Amino acid sequence: MKGKIDINPITRLEGHGRIKVMVDDKGQVTRTYLQVPDFKGFEAFCRGRPAEEMPIITEKICGVCPTAHHTASSKALDQLFGVQPPLAARKLRELMYCAFVYEDHLLHFYFFGGPDLILGSSSPAPARNILGISDKLGPGFTSQMMRIRDKVRSITAIIGGSPLYPVSGLPGGLSKPITEQDRATIREVAEDAIEFAAKTIDLFHSRVLSSSDFRQLVTSSAFELRTYYMGMVDEADRVNFYDGIIKIVGPDGRELTRFHPQDYLYHLAERLEPWTYQKVLYLRNIGWKGYIDGPHSGVYRVGPLARLNVSESMPTPLAQEEFDRMHEFFAARPVHNTLAYHWARLVEVMYAAERMKELSSDPVITSEHVRNVPANGPIRTSTVGACEAPRGTLFHHYEIDERAIITTLNLVVATQNSAAAISMSVDKVAKSFFNYTNKETRDPNLLEMAFRAYDPCLACATH
């Protein structure tokens, strides 16, 4: 009975993918593959384009992650032209970015990963979606969630010029300032965002963490990988989405290294696999040892859980409270439980909301001076911009000719950083719970929960 099981398509994620489960003649899983069949070719067709066009072109890679690509690209152009944005522009960029992370994390919690958590992993498949969430929590709560996401997207519209695809990023800053009325509007939205973040965290504790089924899964060895972790931290080793130093810690939590984004090639390496269009990354100094975890493997993870694992604390008080509750629950640092990504994501939802309030309370953001125009052309031929996308660290690497035309473009996307770990998670869950000869163990949703925890963006991963 040796053969394979094809779960195609996998659901509730950004992009397209499928899972192939290989079984032996006893029905036992021998290997599971997460395949990403998309191919877009952005790195090829951006060659020959002016570097200044990259913030507008690369954000079209994805309809979910445009602000991440727009931001990383804008920061790359700052470096390329050797110009530092004014303080108001830096704060406005970060404000817009926190708004993006907030609404994107809510998208995952309520539309993609949340149905498994709030409704239960074994709930009927036709109900395991946002409609099932609405039935469970009531249409009033669901409407409130959609309204707050819409309100927060209005911040992107105010600063970025569009609620979905920002157009304001330029070398040295932004294309336009905001008004005092804009600032007041944003602050009001930020206060509402904090309130709804608290409701979401309460919901997680009352309906998810209190579930014995979830507690069993979240602490199960099937959903555990002992990997390295990478994320961006500020000068106090706290989470920062917009700017900072890249820090890597080992499976034991000890710091391996930290580096400036410009030096990513010295620390990260890419490899190709014949069964997917998604590139797989690993730590160059550790080396590629295959799809295994532990201190001798170069596999690492990024994203919400990784960011909390590399950080000493959160920068805002309410996020810090939830950060402490999470680590008290697991009684360990770093936390290696894959399903803890959901909890870490909610810690970041609160941080994003609190940071939006902090930034919108600063009158400096209404300054008319939001751009330092480059005095000359590019000062270098190679540049790297980075930020923390909702799914993890994102790098934009451009090389140009004397006319500032792109000759080489390399985009290291968050999902690619975690690609090896995502594949390992799916394989480990399949081997733990899946047996072809027993229909009761053939529920593919547990396999899909293994990748959904990472909130992978497969559209970005095969750009």
Foldseek 3Di string as FASTA:
>chain_A
DWDWDKAFFQDQFAATWIKIFTAGPQQFTDAMFIAHADFDCPQPVQFQAFLQCQLQPVLVLGQLFSLQRNQLSLQQLLQQLVAAWDPLQLLLSQLLVLLSLLLSLLCLCQAGQVLCQQVHLPDDPVLSGNNVVCVVVPVVLVVLSVVLNVLSLVSCCQQQVHSGHRDFRGHFFGDFAHALVSLVSLLVSLVSLLVVLVVVLVSCVPRGVPDPVNVCQQPDPLQFFQAKFKAFADPQQAHGFRDHWIWIAGSQLHTDDIGHQVCVVQFKDWDDDPRYLFIAMFTPVLDDPALHGDRSHRAYAFAQLRSLLRGPAHPDDVLRVLSVVLCVVVVDGPRGGLLCLSSSSSSSSNSSSVSSNVSSVDPVNRDRRGGDDRPDGTPDQKTWGWGQGNLGIKIWIFGADPVSGTNGIDIDDNCNSNVSVLSSSLGSNCSVQPGPVDPVSPDCSSSSSSNSSSSDNSSSRND
